[in-house]
C-alpha atoms as a PDB file:
ATOM      1  CA  MET A   1     -22.167  76.890 -47.449  1.00  0.00           C
ATOM      2  CA  ILE A   2     -23.308  77.021 -43.851  1.00  0.00           C
ATOM      3  CA  TRP A   3     -25.178  73.734 -44.323  1.00  0.00           C
ATOM      4  CA  ILE A   4     -22.004  72.039 -45.498  1.00  0.00           C
ATOM      5  CA  VAL A   5     -20.083  73.301 -42.469  1.00  0.00           C
ATOM      6  CA  LEU A   6     -22.896  72.224 -40.131  1.00  0.00           C
ATOM      7  CA  GLY A   7     -23.030  68.837 -41.870  1.00  0.00           C
ATOM      8  CA  ILE A   8     -19.267  68.350 -41.420  1.00  0.00           C
ATOM      9  CA  ILE A   9     -19.498  69.375 -37.750  1.00  0.00           C
ATOM     10  CA  ALA A  10     -22.428  67.001 -37.211  1.00  0.00           C
ATOM     11  CA  LEU A  11     -20.529  64.174 -38.929  1.00  0.00           C
ATOM     12  CA  LEU A  12     -17.441  64.803 -36.782  1.00  0.00           C
ATOM     13  CA  ALA A  13     -19.602  64.866 -33.652  1.00  0.00           C
ATOM     14  CA  ILE A  14     -21.194  61.540 -34.603  1.00  0.00           C
ATOM     15  CA  ILE A  15     -17.767  60.010 -35.285  1.00  0.00           C
ATOM     16  CA  ALA A  16     -16.509  61.300 -31.927  1.00  0.00           C
ATOM     17  CA  ILE A  17     -19.513  59.881 -30.058  1.00  0.00           C
ATOM     18  CA  VAL A  18     -19.318  56.487 -31.772  1.00  0.00           C
ATOM     19  CA  THR A  19     -15.564  56.289 -31.214  1.00  0.00           C
ATOM     20  CA  TYR A  20     -15.839  57.261 -27.548  1.00  0.00           C
ATOM     21  CA  ASN A  21     -18.618  54.758 -26.914  1.00  0.00           C
ATOM     22  CA  GLY A  22     -16.575  52.054 -28.633  1.00  0.00           C
ATOM     23  CA  LEU A  23     -13.582  52.815 -26.425  1.00  0.00           C
ATOM     24  CA  ILE A  24     -15.726  52.686 -23.294  1.00  0.00           C
ATOM     25  CA  ARG A  25     -17.292  49.398 -24.415  1.00  0.00           C
ATOM     26  CA  SER A  26     -13.865  47.885 -25.116  1.00  0.00           C
ATOM     27  CA  ARG A  27     -12.415  49.074 -21.808  1.00  0.00           C
ATOM     28  CA  ASN A  28     -15.376  47.584 -19.941  1.00  0.00           C
ATOM     29  CA  GLN A  29     -14.901  44.281 -21.792  1.00  0.00           C
ATOM     30  CA  VAL A  30     -11.262  44.201 -20.643  1.00  0.00           C
ATOM     31  CA  GLU A  31     -12.318  44.850 -17.051  1.00  0.00           C
ATOM     32  CA  ASN A  32     -14.982  42.143 -17.281  1.00  0.00           C
ATOM     33  CA  ALA A  33     -12.465  39.672 -18.714  1.00  0.00           C
ATOM     34  CA  TRP A  34     -10.057  40.463 -15.877  1.00  0.00           C
ATOM     35  CA  SER A  35     -12.792  39.889 -13.307  1.00  0.00           C
ATOM     36  CA  GLN A  36     -13.395  36.434 -14.817  1.00  0.00           C
ATOM     37  CA  ILE A  37      -9.740  35.546 -14.220  1.00  0.00           C
ATOM     38  CA  ASP A  38     -10.034  36.884 -10.694  1.00  0.00           C
ATOM     39  CA  VAL A  39     -13.136  34.768 -10.021  1.00  0.00           C
ATOM     40  CA  GLN A  40     -11.418  31.567 -11.178  1.00  0.00           C
ATOM     41  CA  LEU A  41      -8.215  32.298  -9.236  1.00  0.00           C
ATOM     42  CA  LYS A  42     -10.259  32.908  -6.074  1.00  0.00           C
ATOM     43  CA  ARG A  43     -12.159  29.668  -6.686  1.00  0.00           C
ATOM     44  CA  ARG A  44      -8.871  27.785  -6.862  1.00  0.00           C
ATOM     45  CA  ILE A  45      -7.611  29.517  -3.723  1.00  0.00           C
ATOM     46  CA  ASP A  46     -10.771  28.491  -1.861  1.00  0.00           C
ATOM     47  CA  LEU A  47     -10.328  24.825  -2.802  1.00  0.00           C
ATOM     48  CA  ILE A  48      -6.750  24.538  -1.560  1.00  0.00           C
ATOM     49  CA  PRO A  49      -7.353  24.372   2.242  1.00  0.00           C
ATOM     50  CA  ASN A  50      -9.589  21.310   1.812  1.00  0.00           C
ATOM     51  CA  LEU A  51      -7.011  19.624  -0.383  1.00  0.00           C
ATOM     52  CA  VAL A  52      -4.201  20.370   2.064  1.00  0.00           C
ATOM     53  CA  GLU A  53      -6.217  18.961   4.982  1.00  0.00           C
ATOM     54  CA  THR A  54      -6.923  15.778   3.038  1.00  0.00           C
ATOM     55  CA  VAL A  55      -3.257  15.320   2.182  1.00  0.00           C
ATOM     56  CA  LYS A  56      -2.163  16.057   5.781  1.00  0.00           C
ATOM     57  CA  ALA A  57      -3.982  12.979   6.997  1.00  0.00           C
ATOM     58  CA  TYR A  58      -2.011  10.726   4.643  1.00  0.00           C
ATOM     59  CA  ALA A  59       1.342  12.435   4.290  1.00  0.00           C
ATOM     60  CA  ALA A  60       2.115  13.999   7.623  1.00  0.00           C
ATOM     61  CA  HIS A  61       5.885  13.951   7.011  1.00  0.00           C
ATOM     62  CA  GLU A  62       5.585  15.875   3.716  1.00  0.00           C
ATOM     63  CA  ARG A  63       5.365  19.147   5.613  1.00  0.00           C
ATOM     64  CA  GLU A  64       7.615  21.056   3.185  1.00  0.00           C
ATOM     65  CA  THR A  65       5.300  20.453   0.233  1.00  0.00           C
ATOM     66  CA  LEU A  66       2.225  21.378   2.265  1.00  0.00           C
ATOM     67  CA  ASP A  67       3.919  24.540   3.510  1.00  0.00           C
ATOM     68  CA  ALA A  68       4.816  25.470  -0.081  1.00  0.00           C
ATOM     69  CA  VAL A  69       1.166  25.131  -1.114  1.00  0.00           C
ATOM     70  CA  ILE A  70      -0.011  27.242   1.822  1.00  0.00           C
ATOM     71  CA  THR A  71       2.661  29.877   1.107  1.00  0.00           C
ATOM     72  CA  ALA A  72       1.660  29.975  -2.559  1.00  0.00           C
ATOM     73  CA  ARG A  73      -2.013  30.333  -1.598  1.00  0.00           C
ATOM     74  CA  ASN A  74      -1.230  33.210   0.750  1.00  0.00           C
ATOM     75  CA  ALA A  75       0.862  34.904  -1.950  1.00  0.00           C
ATOM     76  CA  ALA A  76      -2.011  34.518  -4.413  1.00  0.00           C
ATOM     77  CA  MET A  77      -4.448  36.030  -1.937  1.00  0.00           C
ATOM     78  CA  ALA A  78      -2.095  38.958  -1.286  1.00  0.00           C
ATOM     79  CA  ALA A  79      -1.377  39.729  -4.951  1.00  0.00           C
ATOM     80  CA  PRO A  80      -3.018  42.970  -6.117  1.00  0.00           C
ATOM     81  CA  SER A  81      -6.081  41.967  -8.121  1.00  0.00           C
ATOM     82  CA  GLY A  82      -5.715  44.686 -10.747  1.00  0.00           C
ATOM     83  CA  ASP A  83      -2.098  43.887 -11.602  1.00  0.00           C
ATOM     84  CA  PRO A  84      -1.723  41.204 -14.295  1.00  0.00           C
ATOM     85  CA  HIS A  85       2.024  40.787 -13.617  1.00  0.00           C
ATOM     86  CA  ALA A  86       1.573  40.232  -9.871  1.00  0.00           C
ATOM     87  CA  GLN A  87      -1.338  37.873 -10.464  1.00  0.00           C
ATOM     88  CA  ALA A  88       0.658  35.933 -13.065  1.00  0.00           C
ATOM     89  CA  ALA A  89       3.613  35.557 -10.679  1.00  0.00           C
ATOM     90  CA  ALA A  90       1.332  34.355  -7.874  1.00  0.00           C
ATOM     91  CA  ASP A  91      -0.458  32.057 -10.311  1.00  0.00           C
ATOM     92  CA  GLY A  92       2.847  30.505 -11.397  1.00  0.00           C
ATOM     93  CA  GLN A  93       3.891  29.906  -7.808  1.00  0.00           C
ATOM     94  CA  MET A  94       0.498  28.355  -7.073  1.00  0.00           C
ATOM     95  CA  ALA A  95       0.634  26.070 -10.117  1.00  0.00           C
ATOM     96  CA  GLY A  96       4.094  24.784  -9.161  1.00  0.00           C
ATOM     97  CA  ALA A  97       3.046  24.095  -5.573  1.00  0.00           C
ATOM     98  CA  LEU A  98      -0.079  22.265  -6.726  1.00  0.00           C
ATOM     99  CA  ARG A  99       1.954  20.087  -9.098  1.00  0.00           C
ATOM    100  CA  GLN A 100       4.123  19.053  -6.153  1.00  0.00           C
ATOM    101  CA  LEU A 101       1.041  18.356  -4.072  1.00  0.00           C
ATOM    102  CA  PHE A 102      -0.524  16.203  -6.769  1.00  0.00           C
ATOM    103  CA  ALA A 103       2.757  14.334  -7.122  1.00  0.00           C
ATOM    104  CA  LEU A 104       2.323  13.279  -3.488  1.00  0.00           C
ATOM    105  CA  GLY A 105      -0.790  11.417  -4.583  1.00  0.00           C
ATOM    106  CA  GLU A 106       1.426   9.211  -6.723  1.00  0.00           C
ATOM    107  CA  ALA A 107       3.688   8.442  -3.762  1.00  0.00           C
ATOM    108  CA  TYR A 108       0.840   7.505  -1.423  1.00  0.00           C
ATOM    109  CA  PRO A 109      -1.523   4.888  -2.888  1.00  0.00           C
ATOM    110  CA  ASP A 110      -4.012   5.335  -0.029  1.00  0.00           C
ATOM    111  CA  LEU A 111      -4.168   9.050  -0.710  1.00  0.00           C
ATOM    112  CA  LYS A 112      -4.512   8.470  -4.436  1.00  0.00           C
ATOM    113  CA  ALA A 113      -7.505   6.210  -3.732  1.00  0.00           C
ATOM    114  CA  ASN A 114      -9.150   8.646  -1.279  1.00  0.00           C
ATOM    115  CA  GLN A 115     -12.449   9.862  -2.739  1.00  0.00           C
ATOM    116  CA  ASN A 116     -12.157  13.300  -1.143  1.00  0.00           C
ATOM    117  CA  PHE A 117      -8.664  13.784  -2.593  1.00  0.00           C
ATOM    118  CA  LEU A 118      -9.810  12.601  -6.004  1.00  0.00           C
ATOM    119  CA  ALA A 119     -12.846  14.900  -5.955  1.00  0.00           C
ATOM    120  CA  LEU A 120     -10.741  17.894  -4.925  1.00  0.00           C
ATOM    121  CA  GLN A 121      -8.090  17.047  -7.514  1.00  0.00           C
ATOM    122  CA  GLU A 122     -10.780  16.821 -10.187  1.00  0.00           C
ATOM    123  CA  GLU A 123     -12.306  20.123  -9.075  1.00  0.00           C
ATOM    124  CA  LEU A 124      -8.904  21.842  -9.139  1.00  0.00           C
ATOM    125  CA  SER A 125      -8.166  20.398 -12.566  1.00  0.00           C
ATOM    126  CA  ALA A 126     -11.473  21.734 -13.863  1.00  0.00           C
ATOM    127  CA  THR A 127     -10.721  25.097 -12.283  1.00  0.00           C
ATOM    128  CA  GLU A 128      -7.299  25.143 -13.958  1.00  0.00           C
ATOM    129  CA  GLY A 129      -9.071  24.724 -17.284  1.00  0.00           C
ATOM    130  CA  ARG A 130     -11.376  27.622 -16.455  1.00  0.00           C
ATOM    131  CA  VAL A 131      -8.398  29.759 -15.405  1.00  0.00           C
ATOM    132  CA  ALA A 132      -6.632  28.991 -18.693  1.00  0.00           C
ATOM    133  CA  TYR A 133      -9.750  29.883 -20.680  1.00  0.00           C
ATOM    134  CA  ALA A 134     -10.265  33.099 -18.686  1.00  0.00           C
ATOM    135  CA  ARG A 135      -6.611  34.073 -19.275  1.00  0.00           C
ATOM    136  CA  GLN A 136      -6.956  33.511 -23.008  1.00  0.00           C
ATOM    137  CA  PHE A 137     -10.237  35.432 -23.134  1.00  0.00           C
ATOM    138  CA  TYR A 138      -8.668  38.308 -21.194  1.00  0.00           C
ATOM    139  CA  ASN A 139      -5.643  38.431 -23.478  1.00  0.00           C
ATOM    140  CA  ASP A 140      -7.883  38.342 -26.574  1.00  0.00           C
ATOM    141  CA  THR A 141      -9.966  41.185 -25.134  1.00  0.00           C
ATOM    142  CA  VAL A 142      -6.826  43.188 -24.315  1.00  0.00           C
ATOM    143  CA  LEU A 143      -5.584  42.603 -27.873  1.00  0.00           C
ATOM    144  CA  ASN A 144      -8.830  43.976 -29.339  1.00  0.00           C
ATOM    145  CA  TYR A 145      -8.788  46.949 -26.964  1.00  0.00           C
ATOM    146  CA  ASN A 146      -5.127  47.786 -27.630  1.00  0.00           C
ATOM    147  CA  ASN A 147      -5.670  47.452 -31.389  1.00  0.00           C
ATOM    148  CA  LYS A 148      -8.589  49.844 -31.154  1.00  0.00           C
ATOM    149  CA  LEU A 149      -6.447  52.335 -29.190  1.00  0.00           C
ATOM    150  CA  GLN A 150      -3.791  52.294 -31.897  1.00  0.00           C
ATOM    151  CA  ALA A 151      -6.037  52.397 -34.983  1.00  0.00           C
ATOM    152  CA  PHE A 152      -6.887  55.593 -36.802  1.00  0.00           C
ATOM    153  CA  PRO A 153      -9.000  57.678 -36.044  1.00  0.00           C
ATOM    154  CA  THR A 154      -9.582  56.149 -32.608  1.00  0.00           C
ATOM    155  CA  VAL A 155      -5.957  56.808 -31.623  1.00  0.00           C
ATOM    156  CA  ILE A 156      -6.667  60.552 -31.702  1.00  0.00           C
ATOM    157  CA  PHE A 157      -9.607  60.287 -29.325  1.00  0.00           C
ATOM    158  CA  ALA A 158      -7.881  57.701 -27.146  1.00  0.00           C
ATOM    159  CA  ASN A 159      -4.896  59.998 -26.613  1.00  0.00           C
ATOM    160  CA  LEU A 160      -7.072  63.046 -25.980  1.00  0.00           C
ATOM    161  CA  LEU A 161      -9.253  61.171 -23.486  1.00  0.00           C
ATOM    162  CA  LYS A 162      -6.282  59.399 -21.864  1.00  0.00           C
ATOM    163  CA  PHE A 163      -7.299  55.813 -22.546  1.00  0.00           C
ATOM    164  CA  ASP A 164      -4.339  53.664 -21.522  1.00  0.00           C
ATOM    165  CA  LYS A 165      -3.008  50.536 -23.149  1.00  0.00           C
ATOM    166  CA  ARG A 166      -3.623  47.380 -21.061  1.00  0.00           C
ATOM    167  CA  GLU A 167      -1.101  44.667 -20.272  1.00  0.00           C
ATOM    168  CA  TYR A 168      -1.485  40.998 -21.088  1.00  0.00           C
ATOM    169  CA  PHE A 169      -1.685  38.276 -18.478  1.00  0.00           C
ATOM    170  CA  GLU A 170       1.637  36.518 -19.005  1.00  0.00           C
ATOM    171  CA  ALA A 171       3.121  33.594 -17.140  1.00  0.00           C
ATOM    172  CA  ASP A 172       6.041  34.377 -14.887  1.00  0.00           C
ATOM    173  CA  GLU A 173       9.342  32.982 -16.191  1.00  0.00           C
ATOM    174  CA  ALA A 174       9.802  30.975 -12.982  1.00  0.00           C
ATOM    175  CA  ALA A 175       6.409  29.339 -13.565  1.00  0.00           C
ATOM    176  CA  ARG A 176       7.626  27.967 -16.896  1.00  0.00           C
ATOM    177  CA  GLU A 177      10.270  25.802 -15.225  1.00  0.00           C
ATOM    178  CA  VAL A 178       9.466  22.205 -14.395  1.00  0.00           C
ATOM    179  CA  PRO A 179       9.371  21.817 -10.617  1.00  0.00           C
ATOM    180  CA  LYS A 180      11.802  19.422  -8.950  1.00  0.00           C
ATOM    181  CA  ILE A 181       9.948  16.839  -6.930  1.00  0.00           C
ATOM    182  CA  GLY A 182      11.760  14.498  -4.602  1.00  0.00           C
ATOM    183  CA  PHE A 183      10.558  11.825  -2.208  1.00  0.00           C
END
């Protein structure tokens, strides 16, 4: 009888250890996925000053658009890096400002033909693709983590050990609107 009790206790201990390690692994994957978004957003932020300087030379009277890009960049830099909602709002503002900036390229043929502008535009476009992939990867990782937190028997250990549900990286509603561009 004592062997059966010891066997059950050993089995429960193994289940607890495996479950805890799985929760830790999943939480670390979420944090890693978030850091990948952060890396790509910082990369985009670092490219913007060069793009703005290139555009300034060709479109000096488009100050409002350039100021909007700089304001959006500063907001993105100031957004708390661990807060998906704040990062999403800053990301939406940045995306809208960049669309306006790229629209200037259409209005100024010399700018559109400038190799530096084209290279920076290409680099930003590639970075946007990386940001989109990192967002999707993060959200997929959060989905797996949150599912694990809510599944039995992990939910018992997750509640006891205070593992918290994570939030998805969602686009701000304002970022979903098409920006108005006028020349």
